[in-house]
Amino acid sequence: MGETDTAAGSNVAGRLGFKDGDLIQEFGYDEDVDFDLRAAIEDTVGSELLDEDEHDVVDAVVVWWRDGDGDLVDMLVDAQTTLEDHGVIWLLTPKQGREGYVPPVEVQEAAPTAGLHSTSTAGVSKDWHATRLARKK
């Protein structure tokens, strides 16, 4: 072990494809997000995450999504508004057994309706699971 949470988070941020200079927009921020992962992403890209109201074109979007948050298709469509053409959305959902768990089938059904497809998944913390969504070509 020996790694600090932030160092582990930095490794995850890099594995998610974030790099220095990227602009990342965040949706679904609440008190239950993984603050170590957020800090690691900000450290990796060298700037704070942009909030939902920003209008800059961004390289990627992070969406924290829980069961009961509303309509996932609508969120995924909204998340693409400022996303550059080749950008990706990382949909972060609580892991199975955690409050707000979202079954993977819900993501698999919502993504194509929003014009996206799932390209990979990753466990990003003890509480959150990530699904990488890209635009259909």
N, C-alpha and C. Protein backbone atom coordinates (compact mmCIF):
# COMPACT_ATOMS: atom_id res chain seq x y z
N MET A 1 0.86 -1.17 0.00
CA MET A 1 0.00 0.00 0.00
C MET A 1 0.90 1.23 0.00
N GLY A 2 1.00 1.95 1.12
CA GLY A 2 1.90 3.07 1.21
C GLY A 2 1.47 4.31 0.46
N GLU A 3 0.54 4.20 -0.48
CA GLU A 3 0.09 5.35 -1.23
C GLU A 3 -0.93 6.13 -0.43
N THR A 4 -0.84 7.44 -0.52
CA THR A 4 -1.87 8.26 0.11
C THR A 4 -3.11 8.21 -0.76
N ASP A 5 -4.25 8.62 -0.19
CA ASP A 5 -5.48 8.64 -0.98
C ASP A 5 -5.33 9.55 -2.18
N THR A 6 -4.67 10.70 -2.00
CA THR A 6 -4.51 11.64 -3.10
C THR A 6 -3.63 11.05 -4.20
N ALA A 7 -2.56 10.36 -3.82
CA ALA A 7 -1.70 9.73 -4.83
C ALA A 7 -2.48 8.66 -5.59
N ALA A 8 -3.27 7.88 -4.87
CA ALA A 8 -4.09 6.87 -5.53
C ALA A 8 -5.09 7.55 -6.46
N GLY A 9 -5.66 8.66 -6.00
CA GLY A 9 -6.61 9.41 -6.83
C GLY A 9 -5.94 9.97 -8.07
N SER A 10 -4.69 10.43 -7.94
CA SER A 10 -3.96 10.94 -9.10
C SER A 10 -3.77 9.85 -10.14
N ASN A 11 -3.45 8.64 -9.67
CA ASN A 11 -3.30 7.52 -10.60
C ASN A 11 -4.62 7.26 -11.32
N VAL A 12 -5.74 7.32 -10.58
CA VAL A 12 -7.05 7.12 -11.19
C VAL A 12 -7.33 8.23 -12.20
N ALA A 13 -7.05 9.47 -11.83
CA ALA A 13 -7.29 10.60 -12.74
C ALA A 13 -6.54 10.41 -14.05
N GLY A 14 -5.29 9.95 -13.97
CA GLY A 14 -4.51 9.67 -15.17
C GLY A 14 -5.08 8.52 -15.98
N ARG A 15 -5.50 7.47 -15.28
CA ARG A 15 -6.11 6.31 -15.96
C ARG A 15 -7.39 6.70 -16.68
N LEU A 16 -8.10 7.71 -16.16
CA LEU A 16 -9.33 8.16 -16.80
C LEU A 16 -9.04 9.03 -18.03
N GLY A 17 -7.76 9.30 -18.27
CA GLY A 17 -7.38 10.02 -19.48
C GLY A 17 -7.26 11.52 -19.30
N PHE A 18 -7.38 12.01 -18.07
CA PHE A 18 -7.23 13.44 -17.84
C PHE A 18 -5.75 13.81 -17.88
N LYS A 19 -5.46 14.99 -18.45
CA LYS A 19 -4.08 15.45 -18.52
C LYS A 19 -4.01 16.95 -18.27
N ASP A 20 -2.81 17.43 -18.00
CA ASP A 20 -2.58 18.84 -17.70
C ASP A 20 -3.17 19.72 -18.81
N GLY A 21 -3.91 20.72 -18.41
CA GLY A 21 -4.49 21.66 -19.36
C GLY A 21 -5.91 21.33 -19.79
N ASP A 22 -6.39 20.13 -19.50
CA ASP A 22 -7.77 19.78 -19.86
C ASP A 22 -8.76 20.64 -19.08
N LEU A 23 -9.84 21.01 -19.73
CA LEU A 23 -10.97 21.65 -19.06
C LEU A 23 -12.01 20.57 -18.81
N ILE A 24 -12.40 20.42 -17.54
CA ILE A 24 -13.35 19.38 -17.16
C ILE A 24 -14.56 20.03 -16.50
N GLN A 25 -15.74 19.72 -17.01
CA GLN A 25 -16.98 20.23 -16.42
C GLN A 25 -17.59 19.14 -15.54
N GLU A 26 -18.19 19.56 -14.44
CA GLU A 26 -18.74 18.62 -13.47
C GLU A 26 -20.24 18.86 -13.28
N PHE A 27 -20.99 17.77 -13.30
CA PHE A 27 -22.43 17.79 -13.03
C PHE A 27 -22.71 16.88 -11.84
N GLY A 28 -23.75 17.21 -11.08
CA GLY A 28 -24.20 16.33 -10.01
C GLY A 28 -23.40 16.42 -8.73
N TYR A 29 -22.64 17.50 -8.55
CA TYR A 29 -21.86 17.68 -7.33
C TYR A 29 -22.80 17.71 -6.11
N ASP A 30 -22.43 17.00 -5.05
CA ASP A 30 -23.18 17.00 -3.80
C ASP A 30 -22.21 16.57 -2.70
N GLU A 31 -22.69 16.52 -1.46
CA GLU A 31 -21.78 16.22 -0.35
C GLU A 31 -21.30 14.77 -0.35
N ASP A 32 -21.87 13.91 -1.20
CA ASP A 32 -21.46 12.51 -1.22
C ASP A 32 -20.41 12.18 -2.28
N VAL A 33 -19.95 13.17 -3.05
CA VAL A 33 -18.95 12.88 -4.08
C VAL A 33 -17.63 12.46 -3.43
N ASP A 34 -16.76 11.88 -4.20
CA ASP A 34 -15.45 11.48 -3.71
C ASP A 34 -14.51 12.69 -3.82
N PHE A 35 -14.29 13.35 -2.68
CA PHE A 35 -13.49 14.58 -2.68
C PHE A 35 -12.03 14.32 -3.03
N ASP A 36 -11.50 13.15 -2.66
CA ASP A 36 -10.11 12.82 -3.03
C ASP A 36 -9.99 12.68 -4.54
N LEU A 37 -10.96 12.05 -5.17
CA LEU A 37 -10.92 11.90 -6.63
C LEU A 37 -11.05 13.26 -7.30
N ARG A 38 -11.96 14.10 -6.82
CA ARG A 38 -12.10 15.46 -7.37
C ARG A 38 -10.78 16.21 -7.29
N ALA A 39 -10.15 16.17 -6.11
CA ALA A 39 -8.88 16.87 -5.91
C ALA A 39 -7.81 16.33 -6.85
N ALA A 40 -7.79 15.01 -7.03
CA ALA A 40 -6.80 14.39 -7.91
C ALA A 40 -7.02 14.83 -9.36
N ILE A 41 -8.28 14.91 -9.79
CA ILE A 41 -8.56 15.37 -11.15
C ILE A 41 -8.09 16.81 -11.31
N GLU A 42 -8.42 17.66 -10.32
CA GLU A 42 -8.00 19.06 -10.39
C GLU A 42 -6.48 19.19 -10.41
N ASP A 43 -5.78 18.38 -9.60
CA ASP A 43 -4.32 18.40 -9.59
C ASP A 43 -3.76 17.96 -10.95
N THR A 44 -4.37 16.94 -11.53
CA THR A 44 -3.90 16.41 -12.82
C THR A 44 -4.08 17.43 -13.94
N VAL A 45 -5.24 18.10 -13.98
CA VAL A 45 -5.51 19.03 -15.08
C VAL A 45 -4.99 20.44 -14.81
N GLY A 46 -4.67 20.72 -13.54
CA GLY A 46 -4.10 22.02 -13.20
C GLY A 46 -5.10 23.14 -13.05
N SER A 47 -6.38 22.80 -12.90
CA SER A 47 -7.41 23.83 -12.68
C SER A 47 -8.60 23.20 -11.97
N GLU A 48 -9.48 24.06 -11.46
CA GLU A 48 -10.69 23.58 -10.79
C GLU A 48 -11.66 23.03 -11.83
N LEU A 49 -12.52 22.11 -11.39
CA LEU A 49 -13.57 21.61 -12.25
C LEU A 49 -14.58 22.74 -12.49
N LEU A 50 -15.07 22.82 -13.71
CA LEU A 50 -16.07 23.83 -14.05
C LEU A 50 -17.44 23.34 -13.62
N ASP A 51 -18.29 24.26 -13.15
CA ASP A 51 -19.61 23.82 -12.70
C ASP A 51 -20.60 23.72 -13.87
N GLU A 52 -21.81 23.30 -13.56
CA GLU A 52 -22.83 23.02 -14.57
C GLU A 52 -23.21 24.24 -15.40
N ASP A 53 -22.98 25.44 -14.88
CA ASP A 53 -23.42 26.66 -15.56
C ASP A 53 -22.38 27.24 -16.51
N GLU A 54 -21.20 26.64 -16.58
CA GLU A 54 -20.14 27.15 -17.46
C GLU A 54 -20.53 26.92 -18.92
N HIS A 55 -20.01 27.79 -19.78
CA HIS A 55 -20.32 27.67 -21.20
C HIS A 55 -19.08 27.50 -22.06
N ASP A 56 -17.91 27.31 -21.41
CA ASP A 56 -16.68 27.05 -22.16
C ASP A 56 -16.76 25.66 -22.79
N VAL A 57 -16.11 25.49 -23.94
CA VAL A 57 -16.00 24.17 -24.53
C VAL A 57 -15.01 23.38 -23.68
N VAL A 58 -15.41 22.16 -23.30
CA VAL A 58 -14.61 21.36 -22.38
C VAL A 58 -14.11 20.08 -23.05
N ASP A 59 -13.01 19.55 -22.49
CA ASP A 59 -12.41 18.32 -23.02
C ASP A 59 -13.12 17.07 -22.53
N ALA A 60 -13.71 17.15 -21.34
CA ALA A 60 -14.40 16.00 -20.75
C ALA A 60 -15.40 16.50 -19.72
N VAL A 61 -16.34 15.63 -19.40
CA VAL A 61 -17.36 15.93 -18.40
C VAL A 61 -17.37 14.80 -17.38
N VAL A 62 -17.49 15.17 -16.11
CA VAL A 62 -17.67 14.21 -15.02
C VAL A 62 -19.09 14.40 -14.52
N VAL A 63 -19.87 13.32 -14.50
CA VAL A 63 -21.24 13.36 -14.00
C VAL A 63 -21.36 12.42 -12.81
N TRP A 64 -21.68 12.97 -11.65
CA TRP A 64 -21.99 12.16 -10.46
C TRP A 64 -23.48 11.87 -10.54
N TRP A 65 -23.87 10.60 -10.63
CA TRP A 65 -25.28 10.26 -10.85
C TRP A 65 -25.72 9.18 -9.87
N ARG A 66 -26.86 9.42 -9.22
CA ARG A 66 -27.40 8.47 -8.26
C ARG A 66 -28.83 8.11 -8.63
N ASP A 67 -29.27 6.95 -8.20
CA ASP A 67 -30.66 6.57 -8.38
C ASP A 67 -31.53 7.66 -7.74
N GLY A 68 -32.54 8.12 -8.46
CA GLY A 68 -33.42 9.15 -7.93
C GLY A 68 -33.03 10.56 -8.34
N ASP A 69 -31.93 10.72 -9.10
CA ASP A 69 -31.49 12.05 -9.51
C ASP A 69 -32.31 12.62 -10.66
N GLY A 70 -33.19 11.84 -11.25
CA GLY A 70 -33.99 12.36 -12.37
C GLY A 70 -33.85 11.47 -13.58
N ASP A 71 -33.88 12.09 -14.75
CA ASP A 71 -33.83 11.38 -16.02
C ASP A 71 -32.39 11.35 -16.53
N LEU A 72 -31.80 10.17 -16.58
CA LEU A 72 -30.41 10.02 -16.98
C LEU A 72 -30.20 10.45 -18.43
N VAL A 73 -31.12 10.16 -19.32
CA VAL A 73 -30.98 10.57 -20.72
C VAL A 73 -30.87 12.09 -20.80
N ASP A 74 -31.76 12.81 -20.09
CA ASP A 74 -31.71 14.27 -20.09
C ASP A 74 -30.36 14.77 -19.58
N MET A 75 -29.86 14.16 -18.51
CA MET A 75 -28.56 14.58 -17.97
C MET A 75 -27.46 14.37 -18.99
N LEU A 76 -27.46 13.23 -19.66
CA LEU A 76 -26.41 12.94 -20.63
C LEU A 76 -26.47 13.87 -21.83
N VAL A 77 -27.67 14.24 -22.24
CA VAL A 77 -27.83 15.21 -23.33
C VAL A 77 -27.29 16.57 -22.88
N ASP A 78 -27.68 17.00 -21.67
CA ASP A 78 -27.20 18.28 -21.12
C ASP A 78 -25.68 18.29 -20.99
N ALA A 79 -25.11 17.17 -20.58
CA ALA A 79 -23.66 17.08 -20.37
C ALA A 79 -22.87 17.24 -21.67
N GLN A 80 -23.52 17.03 -22.81
CA GLN A 80 -22.84 17.14 -24.10
C GLN A 80 -22.86 18.56 -24.66
N THR A 81 -23.61 19.46 -24.02
CA THR A 81 -23.81 20.81 -24.55
C THR A 81 -22.50 21.53 -24.81
N THR A 82 -21.55 21.47 -23.88
CA THR A 82 -20.28 22.18 -24.04
C THR A 82 -19.10 21.24 -24.33
N LEU A 83 -19.38 19.96 -24.52
CA LEU A 83 -18.33 18.97 -24.74
C LEU A 83 -17.79 19.06 -26.16
N GLU A 84 -16.45 19.14 -26.27
CA GLU A 84 -15.85 19.18 -27.61
C GLU A 84 -16.12 17.87 -28.34
N ASP A 85 -16.02 17.90 -29.67
CA ASP A 85 -16.45 16.77 -30.49
C ASP A 85 -15.90 15.41 -30.08
N HIS A 86 -14.64 15.36 -29.69
CA HIS A 86 -14.02 14.08 -29.35
C HIS A 86 -13.91 13.87 -27.84
N GLY A 87 -14.59 14.73 -27.08
CA GLY A 87 -14.56 14.62 -25.62
C GLY A 87 -15.37 13.44 -25.13
N VAL A 88 -15.16 13.09 -23.88
CA VAL A 88 -15.87 11.96 -23.28
C VAL A 88 -16.57 12.41 -22.00
N ILE A 89 -17.55 11.62 -21.64
CA ILE A 89 -18.26 11.80 -20.38
C ILE A 89 -17.90 10.63 -19.48
N TRP A 90 -17.47 10.93 -18.26
CA TRP A 90 -17.27 9.89 -17.26
C TRP A 90 -18.48 9.94 -16.34
N LEU A 91 -19.33 8.94 -16.42
CA LEU A 91 -20.51 8.83 -15.57
C LEU A 91 -20.13 8.07 -14.31
N LEU A 92 -20.18 8.75 -13.18
CA LEU A 92 -19.81 8.15 -11.90
C LEU A 92 -21.08 7.80 -11.14
N THR A 93 -21.22 6.52 -10.81
CA THR A 93 -22.40 6.04 -10.09
C THR A 93 -21.95 5.29 -8.84
N PRO A 94 -22.79 5.31 -7.79
CA PRO A 94 -22.42 4.57 -6.58
C PRO A 94 -22.28 3.07 -6.89
N LYS A 95 -21.30 2.44 -6.25
CA LYS A 95 -21.10 1.01 -6.43
C LYS A 95 -22.27 0.23 -5.84
N GLN A 96 -22.43 -1.00 -6.31
CA GLN A 96 -23.50 -1.86 -5.80
C GLN A 96 -23.39 -1.96 -4.28
N GLY A 97 -24.55 -1.85 -3.61
CA GLY A 97 -24.59 -1.92 -2.16
C GLY A 97 -24.51 -0.54 -1.50
N ARG A 98 -24.16 0.49 -2.28
CA ARG A 98 -24.09 1.85 -1.75
C ARG A 98 -25.42 2.56 -2.01
N GLU A 99 -25.71 3.55 -1.17
CA GLU A 99 -26.93 4.34 -1.35
C GLU A 99 -26.88 5.04 -2.70
N GLY A 100 -27.99 4.97 -3.45
CA GLY A 100 -28.06 5.61 -4.75
C GLY A 100 -27.57 4.76 -5.90
N TYR A 101 -27.29 3.46 -5.63
CA TYR A 101 -26.79 2.54 -6.66
C TYR A 101 -27.66 2.60 -7.91
N VAL A 102 -27.01 2.67 -9.07
CA VAL A 102 -27.68 2.68 -10.37
C VAL A 102 -27.29 1.39 -11.09
N PRO A 103 -28.25 0.52 -11.39
CA PRO A 103 -27.91 -0.71 -12.11
C PRO A 103 -27.29 -0.40 -13.48
N PRO A 104 -26.25 -1.14 -13.87
CA PRO A 104 -25.59 -0.90 -15.16
C PRO A 104 -26.55 -0.91 -16.35
N VAL A 105 -27.61 -1.70 -16.28
CA VAL A 105 -28.56 -1.76 -17.40
C VAL A 105 -29.19 -0.39 -17.65
N GLU A 106 -29.38 0.41 -16.60
CA GLU A 106 -29.94 1.75 -16.79
C GLU A 106 -29.01 2.62 -17.62
N VAL A 107 -27.72 2.51 -17.36
CA VAL A 107 -26.73 3.27 -18.12
C VAL A 107 -26.70 2.77 -19.56
N GLN A 108 -26.70 1.44 -19.74
CA GLN A 108 -26.65 0.86 -21.08
C GLN A 108 -27.88 1.20 -21.91
N GLU A 109 -29.02 1.42 -21.26
CA GLU A 109 -30.23 1.81 -21.98
C GLU A 109 -30.25 3.31 -22.28
N ALA A 110 -29.75 4.13 -21.35
CA ALA A 110 -29.81 5.59 -21.50
C ALA A 110 -28.78 6.11 -22.50
N ALA A 111 -27.59 5.55 -22.50
CA ALA A 111 -26.50 6.08 -23.32
C ALA A 111 -26.86 6.17 -24.81
N PRO A 112 -27.34 5.10 -25.45
CA PRO A 112 -27.65 5.19 -26.89
C PRO A 112 -28.75 6.21 -27.19
N THR A 113 -29.72 6.33 -26.30
CA THR A 113 -30.80 7.30 -26.50
C THR A 113 -30.25 8.71 -26.50
N ALA A 114 -29.17 8.94 -25.72
CA ALA A 114 -28.53 10.26 -25.64
C ALA A 114 -27.44 10.43 -26.71
N GLY A 115 -27.31 9.45 -27.62
CA GLY A 115 -26.31 9.56 -28.69
C GLY A 115 -24.92 9.16 -28.26
N LEU A 116 -24.82 8.34 -27.21
CA LEU A 116 -23.53 7.92 -26.67
C LEU A 116 -23.41 6.40 -26.66
N HIS A 117 -22.19 5.92 -26.51
CA HIS A 117 -21.98 4.50 -26.27
C HIS A 117 -20.92 4.34 -25.19
N SER A 118 -21.05 3.26 -24.44
CA SER A 118 -20.13 2.95 -23.36
C SER A 118 -18.89 2.30 -23.95
N THR A 119 -17.71 2.83 -23.56
CA THR A 119 -16.47 2.27 -24.09
C THR A 119 -15.67 1.50 -23.06
N SER A 120 -15.83 1.85 -21.78
CA SER A 120 -15.12 1.13 -20.72
C SER A 120 -15.71 1.49 -19.37
N THR A 121 -15.33 0.71 -18.37
CA THR A 121 -15.75 0.98 -17.00
C THR A 121 -14.55 0.84 -16.08
N ALA A 122 -14.64 1.47 -14.91
CA ALA A 122 -13.53 1.39 -13.95
C ALA A 122 -14.05 1.66 -12.55
N GLY A 123 -13.51 0.97 -11.57
CA GLY A 123 -13.76 1.32 -10.19
C GLY A 123 -12.83 2.48 -9.87
N VAL A 124 -13.37 3.59 -9.40
CA VAL A 124 -12.52 4.77 -9.19
C VAL A 124 -12.33 5.12 -7.72
N SER A 125 -13.12 4.52 -6.85
CA SER A 125 -12.95 4.73 -5.41
C SER A 125 -13.72 3.62 -4.71
N LYS A 126 -13.70 3.65 -3.38
CA LYS A 126 -14.39 2.59 -2.66
C LYS A 126 -15.91 2.70 -2.80
N ASP A 127 -16.41 3.89 -3.16
CA ASP A 127 -17.85 4.10 -3.26
C ASP A 127 -18.38 4.33 -4.67
N TRP A 128 -17.50 4.67 -5.62
CA TRP A 128 -17.94 5.09 -6.95
C TRP A 128 -17.36 4.23 -8.05
N HIS A 129 -18.18 4.02 -9.08
CA HIS A 129 -17.84 3.27 -10.28
C HIS A 129 -17.96 4.24 -11.46
N ALA A 130 -17.07 4.15 -12.43
CA ALA A 130 -17.08 5.06 -13.58
C ALA A 130 -17.35 4.31 -14.87
N THR A 131 -18.18 4.92 -15.71
CA THR A 131 -18.44 4.41 -17.05
C THR A 131 -18.05 5.50 -18.04
N ARG A 132 -17.19 5.15 -18.99
CA ARG A 132 -16.74 6.11 -20.01
C ARG A 132 -17.73 6.07 -21.17
N LEU A 133 -18.28 7.24 -21.48
CA LEU A 133 -19.24 7.36 -22.56
C LEU A 133 -18.69 8.30 -23.63
N ALA A 134 -18.76 7.86 -24.88
CA ALA A 134 -18.30 8.68 -26.00
C ALA A 134 -19.44 8.82 -27.00
N ARG A 135 -19.35 9.87 -27.80
CA ARG A 135 -20.36 10.08 -28.84
C ARG A 135 -20.26 8.99 -29.89
N LYS A 136 -21.43 8.62 -30.44
CA LYS A 136 -21.43 7.66 -31.54
C LYS A 136 -20.84 8.34 -32.75
N LYS A 137 -20.07 7.60 -33.52
CA LYS A 137 -19.43 8.17 -34.71
C LYS A 137 -20.39 8.20 -35.87
